[in-house]
C-alpha cells in the first residue's frame, strides 16, 4: 500500500489545509477525485508529518494518520476516487443508491437552492440518513458548514416539522391496492420521511407510521 508523508508544523489543522494535503497525495498517486470535507472543519495538531494513504486499499476514501504521542486517524471520503481492486471472480458491480451532493462549499445557515445540489450515485452501504429527494432539501437551512462534494444528510438540515405533537393527522393504510384513511393524533413531532407514533382516534390504538406530508402519515408495513 502506498502512503504519502506531508511535512507540517505541530499546530491545529484547518479543513482547507487538509484538503490541500489530500489532493496533493491523490495527484502524487495519479488519482483523480476531490476530498469531501468543509474548509472550516478543524483537525487536531500533529507533532510529526501526517500520513495520507488509501483507505482499505482503495481511493474512495483516504486515511489521514498522525503518528507519535497523542496520535490520531481520520477517514476522509473522496468523490470520484478509485475503488480497491477486486479479487478474481468477484462481482464488478457495486450496489448504489441515489443521494444529493453539494456542488460547492456552503456555510452554516445557507438556504439550499437547486444550484447548490446535484443528484449522484453513492455506495448502498453509506450513511442511512442520506437525503435523496430534491423536494426534501430545497428551502431548508444548513445546521453546519459543509464541503463541496459532500453527501447531504438529514442531520445537516434544520428541523422542518410536518407533524406537531398532539396535532391531528390523517392515517393512511394501503392493503392490497385499497387505501384506507383514518383520523389520529400525533404522539411526537415528525419530519418528512421520519418514523413516529400516532394514536388512532377511533380505536385508541398506537400505530407506527411514516410522515409523508403535512399532517399526513402512512402505516409502516409489518408493524403492529
Foldseek 3Di string as FASTA:
>chain_A
DDKDWDFDAQAKDFQVVVQVVQCVVCVVVVWDFGWWWARGDIGHGAHGTWMWACDPQWNQKIWTWHDDPPIDIDIIGTVRTGGHDDDPPDDPDFDWDKFKFAQAKDAFFDQDDPNRIDIDIDGPPPDPQGDRDPVQRHRWTFHGTTGGGHTDGPVRTDDDWLAAAQDKAWEWEADPNDIDIFIWGFHHTADAQDWGWIAGPPPRDIFIWGDHGRRYTYGDPPTD
